[in-house]
């Protein structure tokens, strides 16, 4: 459930059964290699158990960020991954445990507006202290797919639960984020206002980026 001041202006998430229908309409079931009945049945069971306000997510092993990002829409413009992040799907959950299931629920979503202009390095321990874990990139994309209003100018968010571990065992300094393109530089003018999957440095601050997080995940 969206439960903090960061999300005060956001409408509630659609019912889980409606979320399942939207994923199917977008073709996510084909990306994930799952029958439509399986997705609908999961959503119906979860809705029956009282998981209202939760986000229905497909495990990133089944539906990677590179395939999900183009399904995003804003001003009728498709989402995209920045050209200097060709390894986007190599960013994996780091210090975040995802359910071992193709479908799962994400609860207690928060965009982290109150942490705007914090660096990821500063935000992670603060989220942990609050009993929250950061979203992984695919969860952030799922959120915007189901609730486009979660992405607005000057109120976008990082998904620092996804990190890239390099061959030498150290973590890449890039951290994924989802925001809105200004149509400058290599994005291209035609992509102005399109949803954008990009990255920020672990130690840098950005006034327009909070930190997407959750209170729990379950299958």
N, C-alpha and C. Protein backbone atom coordinates (compact mmCIF):
# COMPACT_ATOMS: atom_id res chain seq x y z
N UNK A 1 0.84 -1.20 0.00
CA UNK A 1 0.00 0.00 0.00
C UNK A 1 0.87 1.24 0.00
N UNK A 2 0.50 2.23 -0.77
CA UNK A 2 1.23 3.49 -0.73
C UNK A 2 0.86 4.19 0.56
N UNK A 3 1.82 4.34 1.50
CA UNK A 3 1.45 4.65 2.87
C UNK A 3 2.19 5.81 3.51
N UNK A 4 2.94 6.60 2.76
CA UNK A 4 3.65 7.71 3.38
C UNK A 4 3.36 9.00 2.65
N UNK A 5 3.85 10.10 3.25
CA UNK A 5 3.62 11.41 2.66
C UNK A 5 4.21 11.52 1.26
N UNK A 6 5.23 10.69 0.97
CA UNK A 6 5.83 10.73 -0.36
C UNK A 6 4.81 10.43 -1.45
N UNK A 7 3.78 9.65 -1.10
CA UNK A 7 2.80 9.22 -2.08
C UNK A 7 1.44 9.88 -1.88
N UNK A 8 1.41 10.96 -1.12
CA UNK A 8 0.14 11.53 -0.70
C UNK A 8 -0.76 11.89 -1.88
N UNK A 9 -0.18 12.31 -3.00
CA UNK A 9 -0.98 12.77 -4.13
C UNK A 9 -1.28 11.66 -5.13
N UNK A 10 -0.78 10.45 -4.88
CA UNK A 10 -0.96 9.38 -5.85
C UNK A 10 -2.29 8.67 -5.66
N UNK A 11 -2.93 8.28 -6.76
CA UNK A 11 -4.13 7.46 -6.63
C UNK A 11 -3.75 6.07 -6.15
N UNK A 12 -4.71 5.30 -5.63
CA UNK A 12 -4.38 3.94 -5.21
C UNK A 12 -4.03 3.07 -6.40
N UNK A 13 -3.26 2.03 -6.14
CA UNK A 13 -2.97 1.06 -7.18
C UNK A 13 -4.26 0.37 -7.63
N UNK A 14 -4.34 -0.05 -8.88
CA UNK A 14 -5.51 -0.81 -9.31
C UNK A 14 -5.62 -2.12 -8.54
N UNK A 15 -6.80 -2.73 -8.50
CA UNK A 15 -6.93 -4.05 -7.89
C UNK A 15 -5.99 -5.04 -8.57
N UNK A 16 -5.59 -6.07 -7.82
CA UNK A 16 -4.64 -7.04 -8.36
C UNK A 16 -5.15 -7.72 -9.63
N UNK A 17 -6.44 -7.98 -9.69
CA UNK A 17 -6.97 -8.61 -10.91
C UNK A 17 -6.85 -7.69 -12.11
N UNK A 18 -7.03 -6.38 -11.88
CA UNK A 18 -6.86 -5.41 -12.97
C UNK A 18 -5.38 -5.30 -13.36
N UNK A 19 -4.49 -5.41 -12.37
CA UNK A 19 -3.06 -5.39 -12.68
C UNK A 19 -2.68 -6.58 -13.54
N UNK A 20 -3.25 -7.75 -13.23
CA UNK A 20 -2.97 -8.94 -14.04
C UNK A 20 -3.43 -8.72 -15.47
N UNK A 21 -4.62 -8.16 -15.63
CA UNK A 21 -5.14 -7.91 -16.98
C UNK A 21 -4.25 -6.93 -17.73
N UNK A 22 -3.72 -5.94 -17.04
CA UNK A 22 -2.85 -4.96 -17.71
C UNK A 22 -1.54 -5.62 -18.16
N UNK A 23 -0.95 -6.44 -17.31
CA UNK A 23 0.28 -7.13 -17.71
C UNK A 23 0.03 -8.01 -18.94
N UNK A 24 -1.10 -8.66 -18.95
CA UNK A 24 -1.44 -9.52 -20.09
C UNK A 24 -1.65 -8.68 -21.34
N UNK A 25 -2.36 -7.56 -21.20
CA UNK A 25 -2.60 -6.69 -22.35
C UNK A 25 -1.30 -6.15 -22.93
N UNK A 26 -0.31 -5.95 -22.08
CA UNK A 26 0.99 -5.45 -22.52
C UNK A 26 1.88 -6.56 -23.08
N UNK A 27 1.46 -7.80 -22.92
CA UNK A 27 2.25 -8.92 -23.42
C UNK A 27 3.34 -9.39 -22.48
N UNK A 28 3.26 -8.98 -21.21
CA UNK A 28 4.31 -9.38 -20.26
C UNK A 28 4.29 -10.89 -20.05
N UNK A 29 3.12 -11.49 -20.14
CA UNK A 29 3.04 -12.95 -19.97
C UNK A 29 3.87 -13.67 -21.03
N UNK A 30 3.92 -13.10 -22.24
CA UNK A 30 4.72 -13.71 -23.30
C UNK A 30 6.21 -13.54 -23.02
N UNK A 31 6.58 -12.36 -22.52
CA UNK A 31 7.99 -12.15 -22.15
C UNK A 31 8.41 -13.15 -21.08
N UNK A 32 7.50 -13.41 -20.14
CA UNK A 32 7.82 -14.27 -19.00
C UNK A 32 7.60 -15.74 -19.30
N UNK A 33 7.03 -16.06 -20.46
CA UNK A 33 6.76 -17.45 -20.79
C UNK A 33 5.74 -18.08 -19.86
N UNK A 34 4.70 -17.29 -19.51
CA UNK A 34 3.68 -17.76 -18.57
C UNK A 34 2.31 -17.74 -19.23
N UNK A 35 1.47 -18.74 -18.96
CA UNK A 35 0.11 -18.69 -19.49
C UNK A 35 -0.70 -17.61 -18.78
N UNK A 36 -1.63 -17.02 -19.50
CA UNK A 36 -2.45 -15.95 -18.91
C UNK A 36 -3.23 -16.45 -17.70
N UNK A 37 -3.67 -17.69 -17.73
CA UNK A 37 -4.45 -18.24 -16.62
C UNK A 37 -3.65 -18.25 -15.33
N UNK A 38 -2.35 -18.49 -15.44
CA UNK A 38 -1.51 -18.54 -14.25
C UNK A 38 -1.42 -17.16 -13.58
N UNK A 39 -1.29 -16.13 -14.40
CA UNK A 39 -1.21 -14.77 -13.86
C UNK A 39 -2.53 -14.37 -13.23
N UNK A 40 -3.62 -14.65 -13.91
CA UNK A 40 -4.94 -14.28 -13.38
C UNK A 40 -5.26 -15.06 -12.09
N UNK A 41 -4.91 -16.33 -12.07
CA UNK A 41 -5.19 -17.14 -10.89
C UNK A 41 -4.39 -16.65 -9.69
N UNK A 42 -3.14 -16.28 -9.91
CA UNK A 42 -2.33 -15.75 -8.81
C UNK A 42 -2.95 -14.47 -8.26
N UNK A 43 -3.35 -13.57 -9.17
CA UNK A 43 -3.94 -12.30 -8.74
C UNK A 43 -5.24 -12.52 -7.98
N UNK A 44 -6.05 -13.45 -8.43
CA UNK A 44 -7.32 -13.73 -7.75
C UNK A 44 -7.09 -14.29 -6.36
N UNK A 45 -6.12 -15.20 -6.23
CA UNK A 45 -5.82 -15.76 -4.90
C UNK A 45 -5.31 -14.68 -3.96
N UNK A 46 -4.41 -13.84 -4.47
CA UNK A 46 -3.84 -12.78 -3.63
C UNK A 46 -4.91 -11.77 -3.22
N UNK A 47 -5.79 -11.43 -4.16
CA UNK A 47 -6.87 -10.49 -3.84
C UNK A 47 -7.79 -11.09 -2.79
N UNK A 48 -8.04 -12.40 -2.87
CA UNK A 48 -8.91 -13.07 -1.92
C UNK A 48 -8.32 -13.15 -0.53
N UNK A 49 -6.99 -13.07 -0.45
CA UNK A 49 -6.34 -13.14 0.86
C UNK A 49 -6.17 -11.77 1.51
N UNK A 50 -6.70 -10.75 0.86
CA UNK A 50 -6.69 -9.42 1.46
C UNK A 50 -5.48 -8.58 1.16
N UNK A 51 -4.78 -8.87 0.07
CA UNK A 51 -3.57 -8.11 -0.27
C UNK A 51 -3.90 -6.89 -1.15
N UNK A 52 -4.91 -6.15 -0.76
CA UNK A 52 -5.25 -4.93 -1.49
C UNK A 52 -4.16 -3.89 -1.34
N UNK A 53 -3.91 -3.11 -2.37
CA UNK A 53 -2.88 -2.08 -2.31
C UNK A 53 -1.50 -2.58 -2.66
N UNK A 54 -1.37 -3.88 -2.97
CA UNK A 54 -0.06 -4.43 -3.32
C UNK A 54 0.18 -4.31 -4.81
N UNK A 55 1.45 -4.39 -5.18
CA UNK A 55 1.86 -4.38 -6.58
C UNK A 55 2.16 -5.80 -7.03
N UNK A 56 1.61 -6.19 -8.17
CA UNK A 56 1.89 -7.50 -8.76
C UNK A 56 3.14 -7.38 -9.62
N UNK A 57 4.15 -8.18 -9.32
CA UNK A 57 5.41 -8.10 -10.04
C UNK A 57 5.79 -9.46 -10.62
N UNK A 58 6.40 -9.42 -11.79
CA UNK A 58 6.98 -10.61 -12.39
C UNK A 58 8.47 -10.61 -12.06
N UNK A 59 8.98 -11.75 -11.65
CA UNK A 59 10.39 -11.84 -11.26
C UNK A 59 11.28 -11.38 -12.42
N UNK A 60 12.33 -10.59 -12.13
CA UNK A 60 13.19 -10.09 -13.21
C UNK A 60 13.88 -11.19 -14.01
N UNK A 61 14.01 -12.38 -13.45
CA UNK A 61 14.57 -13.48 -14.24
C UNK A 61 13.64 -13.88 -15.38
N UNK A 62 12.35 -13.56 -15.22
CA UNK A 62 11.36 -13.88 -16.24
C UNK A 62 11.10 -12.71 -17.18
N UNK A 63 11.12 -11.51 -16.65
CA UNK A 63 10.82 -10.31 -17.45
C UNK A 63 11.85 -9.24 -17.11
N UNK A 64 12.97 -9.18 -17.83
CA UNK A 64 14.05 -8.25 -17.50
C UNK A 64 13.70 -6.81 -17.82
N UNK A 65 14.45 -5.92 -17.23
CA UNK A 65 14.19 -4.48 -17.38
C UNK A 65 14.25 -4.03 -18.83
N UNK A 66 15.16 -4.59 -19.61
CA UNK A 66 15.30 -4.15 -21.01
C UNK A 66 14.04 -4.42 -21.81
N UNK A 67 13.30 -5.48 -21.44
CA UNK A 67 12.06 -5.82 -22.14
C UNK A 67 10.87 -5.05 -21.58
N UNK A 68 10.91 -4.71 -20.30
CA UNK A 68 9.80 -3.99 -19.68
C UNK A 68 9.81 -2.49 -19.98
N UNK A 69 11.00 -1.90 -20.04
CA UNK A 69 11.10 -0.45 -20.20
C UNK A 69 10.34 0.08 -21.42
N UNK A 70 10.41 -0.56 -22.59
CA UNK A 70 9.69 -0.02 -23.75
C UNK A 70 8.16 -0.07 -23.61
N UNK A 71 7.66 -0.79 -22.60
CA UNK A 71 6.22 -0.87 -22.39
C UNK A 71 5.69 0.36 -21.64
N UNK A 72 6.59 1.10 -21.01
CA UNK A 72 6.18 2.32 -20.32
C UNK A 72 5.68 3.35 -21.34
N UNK A 73 4.76 4.19 -20.92
CA UNK A 73 4.24 5.23 -21.81
C UNK A 73 4.03 6.52 -21.01
N UNK A 74 4.35 7.64 -21.66
CA UNK A 74 4.04 8.96 -21.13
C UNK A 74 3.88 9.89 -22.32
N UNK A 75 2.78 10.61 -22.39
CA UNK A 75 2.50 11.44 -23.57
C UNK A 75 2.58 10.62 -24.85
N UNK A 76 2.12 9.38 -24.77
CA UNK A 76 2.12 8.46 -25.92
C UNK A 76 3.52 8.12 -26.42
N UNK A 77 4.53 8.38 -25.60
CA UNK A 77 5.90 8.06 -25.98
C UNK A 77 6.38 6.86 -25.18
N UNK A 78 6.98 5.88 -25.85
CA UNK A 78 7.43 4.68 -25.14
C UNK A 78 8.65 4.94 -24.27
N UNK A 79 8.77 4.14 -23.24
CA UNK A 79 9.95 4.22 -22.40
C UNK A 79 11.18 3.66 -23.10
N UNK A 80 12.34 3.95 -22.55
CA UNK A 80 13.58 3.47 -23.14
C UNK A 80 14.67 3.37 -22.09
N UNK A 81 15.70 2.62 -22.41
CA UNK A 81 16.91 2.52 -21.58
C UNK A 81 17.98 3.38 -22.21
N UNK A 82 18.70 4.15 -21.43
CA UNK A 82 19.74 5.02 -21.97
C UNK A 82 20.79 4.19 -22.71
N UNK A 83 21.38 4.81 -23.73
CA UNK A 83 22.29 4.06 -24.60
C UNK A 83 23.56 3.62 -23.89
N UNK A 84 23.94 4.32 -22.82
CA UNK A 84 25.16 3.94 -22.13
C UNK A 84 24.89 2.98 -20.96
N UNK A 85 23.77 2.25 -21.05
CA UNK A 85 23.46 1.22 -20.07
C UNK A 85 23.06 -0.07 -20.80
N UNK A 86 23.91 -0.54 -21.73
CA UNK A 86 23.56 -1.77 -22.45
C UNK A 86 23.55 -3.00 -21.56
N UNK A 87 24.15 -2.87 -20.37
CA UNK A 87 24.22 -3.98 -19.43
C UNK A 87 23.11 -3.91 -18.38
N UNK A 88 22.03 -3.23 -18.68
CA UNK A 88 20.97 -2.99 -17.70
C UNK A 88 20.48 -4.29 -17.06
N UNK A 89 20.41 -5.38 -17.82
CA UNK A 89 19.88 -6.62 -17.28
C UNK A 89 20.88 -7.36 -16.39
N UNK A 90 22.10 -6.86 -16.34
CA UNK A 90 23.10 -7.45 -15.45
C UNK A 90 23.02 -6.88 -14.04
N UNK A 91 22.20 -5.83 -13.87
CA UNK A 91 21.98 -5.26 -12.53
C UNK A 91 21.02 -6.19 -11.80
N UNK A 92 21.49 -6.80 -10.72
CA UNK A 92 20.74 -7.83 -10.02
C UNK A 92 20.44 -7.38 -8.59
N UNK A 93 19.46 -8.04 -7.93
CA UNK A 93 19.18 -7.69 -6.54
C UNK A 93 20.43 -7.79 -5.68
N UNK A 94 20.68 -6.77 -4.89
CA UNK A 94 21.84 -6.72 -4.02
C UNK A 94 21.36 -6.42 -2.60
N UNK A 95 21.60 -7.36 -1.70
CA UNK A 95 21.13 -7.24 -0.31
C UNK A 95 19.61 -7.12 -0.25
N UNK A 96 18.94 -7.64 -1.25
CA UNK A 96 17.48 -7.69 -1.32
C UNK A 96 17.09 -9.11 -1.72
N UNK A 97 16.21 -9.72 -0.96
CA UNK A 97 15.77 -11.08 -1.27
C UNK A 97 14.42 -11.04 -1.97
N UNK A 98 14.36 -11.54 -3.19
CA UNK A 98 13.11 -11.65 -3.91
C UNK A 98 12.53 -13.04 -3.71
N UNK A 99 11.21 -13.15 -3.67
CA UNK A 99 10.61 -14.48 -3.55
C UNK A 99 11.06 -15.38 -4.70
N UNK A 100 11.24 -16.65 -4.40
CA UNK A 100 11.64 -17.62 -5.42
C UNK A 100 10.40 -18.11 -6.14
N UNK A 101 9.82 -17.23 -6.93
CA UNK A 101 8.57 -17.52 -7.63
C UNK A 101 8.48 -16.60 -8.84
N UNK A 102 7.79 -17.02 -9.90
CA UNK A 102 7.69 -16.16 -11.09
C UNK A 102 6.87 -14.91 -10.86
N UNK A 103 5.89 -15.00 -9.94
CA UNK A 103 5.04 -13.86 -9.60
C UNK A 103 5.11 -13.62 -8.10
N UNK A 104 5.10 -12.36 -7.70
CA UNK A 104 5.08 -12.05 -6.28
C UNK A 104 4.47 -10.67 -6.06
N UNK A 105 4.23 -10.34 -4.80
CA UNK A 105 3.62 -9.07 -4.44
C UNK A 105 4.63 -8.16 -3.75
N UNK A 106 4.52 -6.87 -4.02
CA UNK A 106 5.35 -5.86 -3.37
C UNK A 106 4.41 -4.95 -2.60
N UNK A 107 4.64 -4.82 -1.30
CA UNK A 107 3.72 -4.05 -0.45
C UNK A 107 4.41 -2.83 0.15
N UNK A 108 3.59 -1.89 0.60
CA UNK A 108 4.12 -0.69 1.26
C UNK A 108 5.00 0.16 0.37
N UNK A 109 4.61 0.33 -0.88
CA UNK A 109 5.42 1.11 -1.82
C UNK A 109 5.56 2.56 -1.38
N UNK A 110 6.74 3.09 -1.59
CA UNK A 110 6.98 4.51 -1.31
C UNK A 110 8.00 5.04 -2.32
N UNK A 111 7.77 6.23 -2.81
CA UNK A 111 8.64 6.84 -3.83
C UNK A 111 9.85 7.53 -3.21
N UNK A 112 9.79 7.80 -1.93
CA UNK A 112 10.95 8.39 -1.24
C UNK A 112 11.18 9.85 -1.55
N UNK A 113 10.11 10.60 -1.77
CA UNK A 113 10.27 12.03 -2.07
C UNK A 113 11.04 12.76 -0.97
N UNK A 114 10.86 12.33 0.27
CA UNK A 114 11.53 13.01 1.39
C UNK A 114 13.04 12.83 1.36
N UNK A 115 13.51 11.91 0.50
CA UNK A 115 14.96 11.70 0.36
C UNK A 115 15.51 12.33 -0.91
N UNK A 116 14.71 13.13 -1.59
CA UNK A 116 15.23 13.83 -2.77
C UNK A 116 16.48 14.62 -2.38
N UNK A 117 17.46 14.60 -3.23
CA UNK A 117 18.75 15.25 -3.02
C UNK A 117 19.62 14.51 -2.00
N UNK A 118 19.29 13.25 -1.72
CA UNK A 118 20.18 12.37 -0.99
C UNK A 118 20.94 11.52 -2.01
N UNK A 119 22.10 11.07 -1.64
CA UNK A 119 22.81 10.11 -2.49
C UNK A 119 22.34 8.70 -2.13
N UNK A 120 22.49 7.73 -3.05
CA UNK A 120 22.17 6.35 -2.70
C UNK A 120 22.95 5.88 -1.46
N UNK A 121 24.18 6.32 -1.36
CA UNK A 121 25.02 5.94 -0.22
C UNK A 121 24.41 6.40 1.09
N UNK A 122 23.76 7.57 1.07
CA UNK A 122 23.12 8.11 2.27
C UNK A 122 21.75 7.48 2.50
N UNK A 123 21.04 7.17 1.40
CA UNK A 123 19.66 6.70 1.52
C UNK A 123 19.55 5.27 2.02
N UNK A 124 20.46 4.40 1.59
CA UNK A 124 20.31 2.98 1.92
C UNK A 124 20.27 2.73 3.43
N UNK A 125 21.20 3.26 4.23
CA UNK A 125 21.11 3.00 5.67
C UNK A 125 19.86 3.62 6.30
N UNK A 126 19.41 4.74 5.76
CA UNK A 126 18.20 5.37 6.29
C UNK A 126 16.97 4.50 6.01
N UNK A 127 16.89 3.92 4.82
CA UNK A 127 15.78 3.03 4.51
C UNK A 127 15.81 1.80 5.41
N UNK A 128 16.99 1.25 5.60
CA UNK A 128 17.14 0.08 6.46
C UNK A 128 16.67 0.39 7.88
N UNK A 129 17.02 1.56 8.37
CA UNK A 129 16.61 1.97 9.72
C UNK A 129 15.10 2.08 9.83
N UNK A 130 14.45 2.43 8.72
CA UNK A 130 12.99 2.56 8.70
C UNK A 130 12.29 1.21 8.50
N UNK A 131 13.06 0.14 8.36
CA UNK A 131 12.48 -1.17 8.13
C UNK A 131 12.00 -1.36 6.71
N UNK A 132 12.64 -0.67 5.78
CA UNK A 132 12.26 -0.74 4.37
C UNK A 132 13.44 -1.29 3.56
N UNK A 133 13.14 -1.84 2.38
CA UNK A 133 14.19 -2.24 1.46
C UNK A 133 13.97 -1.53 0.13
N UNK A 134 15.06 -1.18 -0.56
CA UNK A 134 14.90 -0.47 -1.82
C UNK A 134 14.32 -1.37 -2.90
N UNK A 135 13.60 -0.76 -3.82
CA UNK A 135 13.07 -1.50 -4.96
C UNK A 135 14.19 -1.91 -5.90
N UNK A 136 14.02 -3.06 -6.53
CA UNK A 136 14.87 -3.40 -7.66
C UNK A 136 14.27 -2.74 -8.90
N UNK A 137 15.07 -2.65 -9.95
CA UNK A 137 14.66 -1.89 -11.13
C UNK A 137 13.36 -2.43 -11.74
N UNK A 138 13.24 -3.73 -11.88
CA UNK A 138 12.03 -4.27 -12.50
C UNK A 138 10.79 -3.95 -11.69
N UNK A 139 10.90 -3.90 -10.37
CA UNK A 139 9.76 -3.53 -9.52
C UNK A 139 9.36 -2.08 -9.77
N UNK A 140 10.36 -1.20 -9.90
CA UNK A 140 10.05 0.19 -10.20
C UNK A 140 9.33 0.35 -11.52
N UNK A 141 9.75 -0.42 -12.52
CA UNK A 141 9.08 -0.35 -13.83
C UNK A 141 7.65 -0.88 -13.71
N UNK A 142 7.47 -2.00 -13.01
CA UNK A 142 6.12 -2.52 -12.80
C UNK A 142 5.22 -1.48 -12.14
N UNK A 143 5.78 -0.77 -11.17
CA UNK A 143 4.98 0.25 -10.46
C UNK A 143 4.49 1.30 -11.45
N UNK A 144 5.37 1.80 -12.28
CA UNK A 144 4.98 2.85 -13.23
C UNK A 144 4.05 2.30 -14.31
N UNK A 145 4.23 1.04 -14.68
CA UNK A 145 3.30 0.43 -15.64
C UNK A 145 1.87 0.42 -15.09
N UNK A 146 1.75 0.12 -13.80
CA UNK A 146 0.42 0.03 -13.20
C UNK A 146 -0.11 1.36 -12.71
N UNK A 147 0.79 2.26 -12.38
CA UNK A 147 0.40 3.56 -11.80
C UNK A 147 1.29 4.64 -12.43
N UNK A 148 0.98 5.05 -13.66
CA UNK A 148 1.84 6.03 -14.35
C UNK A 148 2.07 7.31 -13.56
N UNK A 149 1.12 7.67 -12.69
CA UNK A 149 1.28 8.89 -11.90
C UNK A 149 2.44 8.80 -10.91
N UNK A 150 2.96 7.60 -10.70
CA UNK A 150 4.11 7.45 -9.80
C UNK A 150 5.36 8.11 -10.35
N UNK A 151 5.34 8.44 -11.64
CA UNK A 151 6.48 9.10 -12.28
C UNK A 151 6.02 10.48 -12.74
N UNK A 152 6.52 11.52 -12.13
CA UNK A 152 6.16 12.88 -12.50
C UNK A 152 7.39 13.76 -12.44
N UNK A 153 7.35 14.83 -13.17
CA UNK A 153 8.52 15.70 -13.22
C UNK A 153 8.88 16.19 -11.82
N UNK A 154 10.18 16.14 -11.54
CA UNK A 154 10.75 16.56 -10.27
C UNK A 154 10.39 15.62 -9.12
N UNK A 155 9.68 14.52 -9.42
CA UNK A 155 9.37 13.51 -8.41
C UNK A 155 9.50 12.13 -9.04
N UNK A 156 10.72 11.76 -9.34
CA UNK A 156 11.02 10.46 -9.91
C UNK A 156 11.83 9.69 -8.87
N UNK A 157 12.36 8.52 -9.21
CA UNK A 157 12.99 7.74 -8.15
C UNK A 157 14.07 6.79 -8.65
N UNK A 158 14.98 6.50 -7.75
CA UNK A 158 16.02 5.50 -7.98
C UNK A 158 15.53 4.14 -7.50
N UNK A 159 16.16 3.10 -8.02
CA UNK A 159 15.86 1.73 -7.62
C UNK A 159 17.17 1.05 -7.23
N UNK A 160 17.66 1.43 -6.09
CA UNK A 160 19.02 1.03 -5.70
C UNK A 160 19.10 -0.39 -5.15
N UNK A 161 17.97 -1.13 -5.16
CA UNK A 161 18.04 -2.55 -4.82
C UNK A 161 18.71 -3.36 -5.91
N UNK A 162 18.89 -2.77 -7.08
CA UNK A 162 19.59 -3.43 -8.19
C UNK A 162 20.99 -2.84 -8.30
N UNK A 163 22.00 -3.70 -8.27
CA UNK A 163 23.38 -3.26 -8.43
C UNK A 163 24.10 -4.23 -9.37
N UNK A 164 25.17 -3.76 -9.94
CA UNK A 164 25.99 -4.58 -10.82
C UNK A 164 27.29 -4.92 -10.11
N UNK A 165 27.50 -6.22 -9.90
CA UNK A 165 28.75 -6.66 -9.29
C UNK A 165 29.74 -7.01 -10.40
N UNK A 166 30.89 -6.36 -10.37
CA UNK A 166 31.89 -6.53 -11.42
C UNK A 166 32.65 -7.84 -11.24
N UNK A 167 33.43 -8.18 -12.26
CA UNK A 167 34.15 -9.45 -12.26
C UNK A 167 35.11 -9.58 -11.07
N UNK A 168 35.61 -8.45 -10.60
CA UNK A 168 36.56 -8.49 -9.47
C UNK A 168 35.86 -8.52 -8.11
N UNK A 169 34.51 -8.57 -8.13
CA UNK A 169 33.75 -8.69 -6.88
C UNK A 169 33.27 -7.37 -6.31
N UNK A 170 33.76 -6.25 -6.83
CA UNK A 170 33.31 -4.95 -6.33
C UNK A 170 32.03 -4.52 -7.04
N UNK A 171 31.32 -3.58 -6.42
CA UNK A 171 30.08 -3.10 -7.00
C UNK A 171 30.34 -1.93 -7.95
N UNK A 172 29.70 -1.97 -9.10
CA UNK A 172 29.74 -0.86 -10.04
C UNK A 172 29.16 0.37 -9.35
N UNK A 173 29.71 1.54 -9.62
CA UNK A 173 29.26 2.77 -8.96
C UNK A 173 27.94 3.30 -9.50
N UNK A 174 27.45 2.71 -10.60
CA UNK A 174 26.16 3.16 -11.14
C UNK A 174 25.00 2.55 -10.36
N UNK A 175 23.93 3.32 -10.22
CA UNK A 175 22.70 2.82 -9.60
C UNK A 175 21.53 3.18 -10.51
N UNK A 176 20.63 2.22 -10.78
CA UNK A 176 19.53 2.47 -11.72
C UNK A 176 18.50 3.47 -11.17
N UNK A 177 17.86 4.14 -12.09
CA UNK A 177 16.80 5.09 -11.73
C UNK A 177 15.81 5.19 -12.88
N UNK A 178 14.62 5.66 -12.56
CA UNK A 178 13.57 5.87 -13.57
C UNK A 178 13.14 7.33 -13.48
N UNK A 179 13.27 8.05 -14.59
CA UNK A 179 12.82 9.43 -14.59
C UNK A 179 12.28 9.80 -15.97
N UNK A 180 12.12 11.07 -16.22
CA UNK A 180 11.48 11.56 -17.45
C UNK A 180 12.52 12.29 -18.29
N UNK A 181 12.63 11.90 -19.54
CA UNK A 181 13.64 12.49 -20.41
C UNK A 181 13.30 13.94 -20.75
N UNK A 182 14.33 14.76 -20.81
CA UNK A 182 14.18 16.13 -21.31
C UNK A 182 14.42 16.23 -22.81
N UNK A 183 14.74 15.09 -23.44
CA UNK A 183 14.98 15.10 -24.88
C UNK A 183 16.29 15.74 -25.28
N UNK A 184 17.24 15.78 -24.35
CA UNK A 184 18.54 16.39 -24.64
C UNK A 184 19.59 15.31 -24.86
N UNK A 185 20.73 15.73 -25.40
CA UNK A 185 21.85 14.82 -25.58
C UNK A 185 21.50 13.61 -26.42
N UNK A 186 21.99 12.47 -26.00
CA UNK A 186 21.80 11.25 -26.77
C UNK A 186 20.38 10.69 -26.68
N UNK A 187 19.56 11.22 -25.78
CA UNK A 187 18.16 10.79 -25.73
C UNK A 187 17.46 11.12 -27.05
N UNK A 188 17.73 12.31 -27.59
CA UNK A 188 17.07 12.76 -28.82
C UNK A 188 15.81 13.54 -28.51
N UNK A 189 15.58 14.61 -29.28
CA UNK A 189 14.43 15.49 -29.03
C UNK A 189 13.11 14.75 -29.11
N UNK A 190 13.05 13.71 -29.93
CA UNK A 190 11.80 12.98 -30.08
C UNK A 190 11.42 12.22 -28.81
N UNK A 191 12.36 12.08 -27.88
CA UNK A 191 12.07 11.37 -26.64
C UNK A 191 11.76 12.29 -25.47
N UNK A 192 11.61 13.56 -25.72
CA UNK A 192 11.27 14.48 -24.64
C UNK A 192 9.96 14.02 -24.00
N UNK A 193 9.94 13.96 -22.69
CA UNK A 193 8.80 13.54 -21.86
C UNK A 193 8.58 12.04 -21.82
N UNK A 194 9.45 11.26 -22.47
CA UNK A 194 9.32 9.81 -22.41
C UNK A 194 9.88 9.28 -21.10
N UNK A 195 9.32 8.18 -20.58
CA UNK A 195 9.91 7.54 -19.39
C UNK A 195 11.29 6.99 -19.73
N UNK A 196 12.20 7.13 -18.81
CA UNK A 196 13.60 6.84 -19.08
C UNK A 196 14.20 5.99 -17.97
N UNK A 197 14.83 4.90 -18.33
CA UNK A 197 15.60 4.09 -17.39
C UNK A 197 17.07 4.46 -17.59
N UNK A 198 17.66 4.98 -16.55
CA UNK A 198 19.05 5.39 -16.63
C UNK A 198 19.79 5.05 -15.35
N UNK A 199 20.85 5.78 -15.09
CA UNK A 199 21.65 5.49 -13.91
C UNK A 199 22.23 6.76 -13.32
N UNK A 200 22.58 6.66 -12.04
CA UNK A 200 23.23 7.76 -11.32
C UNK A 200 24.40 7.16 -10.53
N UNK A 201 25.33 8.01 -10.16
CA UNK A 201 26.47 7.53 -9.38
C UNK A 201 26.06 7.29 -7.93
N UNK A 202 26.65 6.27 -7.32
CA UNK A 202 26.34 5.88 -5.95
C UNK A 202 26.52 7.04 -4.96
N UNK A 203 27.47 7.91 -5.20
CA UNK A 203 27.73 8.99 -4.24
C UNK A 203 27.13 10.33 -4.60
N UNK A 204 26.38 10.40 -5.71
CA UNK A 204 25.84 11.68 -6.17
C UNK A 204 24.40 11.92 -5.71
N UNK A 205 24.04 13.20 -5.61
CA UNK A 205 22.69 13.61 -5.22
C UNK A 205 21.97 14.22 -6.42
N UNK A 206 20.66 14.06 -6.45
CA UNK A 206 19.84 14.64 -7.52
C UNK A 206 18.53 15.14 -6.92
N UNK A 207 18.24 16.40 -7.15
CA UNK A 207 17.08 17.03 -6.50
C UNK A 207 15.76 16.42 -6.93
N UNK A 208 15.69 15.80 -8.11
CA UNK A 208 14.42 15.29 -8.63
C UNK A 208 14.24 13.79 -8.39
N UNK A 209 15.17 13.15 -7.70
CA UNK A 209 15.11 11.70 -7.51
C UNK A 209 15.00 11.32 -6.05
N UNK A 210 13.91 10.63 -5.71
CA UNK A 210 13.79 9.99 -4.41
C UNK A 210 14.30 8.56 -4.52
N UNK A 211 13.83 7.71 -3.60
CA UNK A 211 14.29 6.32 -3.57
C UNK A 211 13.10 5.40 -3.36
N UNK A 212 12.74 4.67 -4.43
CA UNK A 212 11.64 3.74 -4.33
C UNK A 212 11.96 2.64 -3.33
N UNK A 213 10.98 2.31 -2.47
CA UNK A 213 11.22 1.28 -1.46
C UNK A 213 9.93 0.57 -1.10
N UNK A 214 10.07 -0.52 -0.34
CA UNK A 214 8.94 -1.35 0.03
C UNK A 214 9.09 -1.81 1.47
N UNK A 215 7.97 -2.19 2.07
CA UNK A 215 8.01 -2.78 3.41
C UNK A 215 8.02 -4.30 3.37
N UNK A 216 7.75 -4.89 2.19
CA UNK A 216 7.74 -6.33 2.14
C UNK A 216 7.43 -6.90 0.76
N UNK A 217 7.79 -8.17 0.59
CA UNK A 217 7.53 -8.91 -0.64
C UNK A 217 7.03 -10.30 -0.25
N UNK A 218 6.14 -10.84 -1.05
CA UNK A 218 5.63 -12.16 -0.75
C UNK A 218 5.04 -12.82 -1.98
N UNK A 219 4.96 -14.14 -1.96
CA UNK A 219 4.41 -14.86 -3.10
C UNK A 219 3.18 -15.67 -2.68
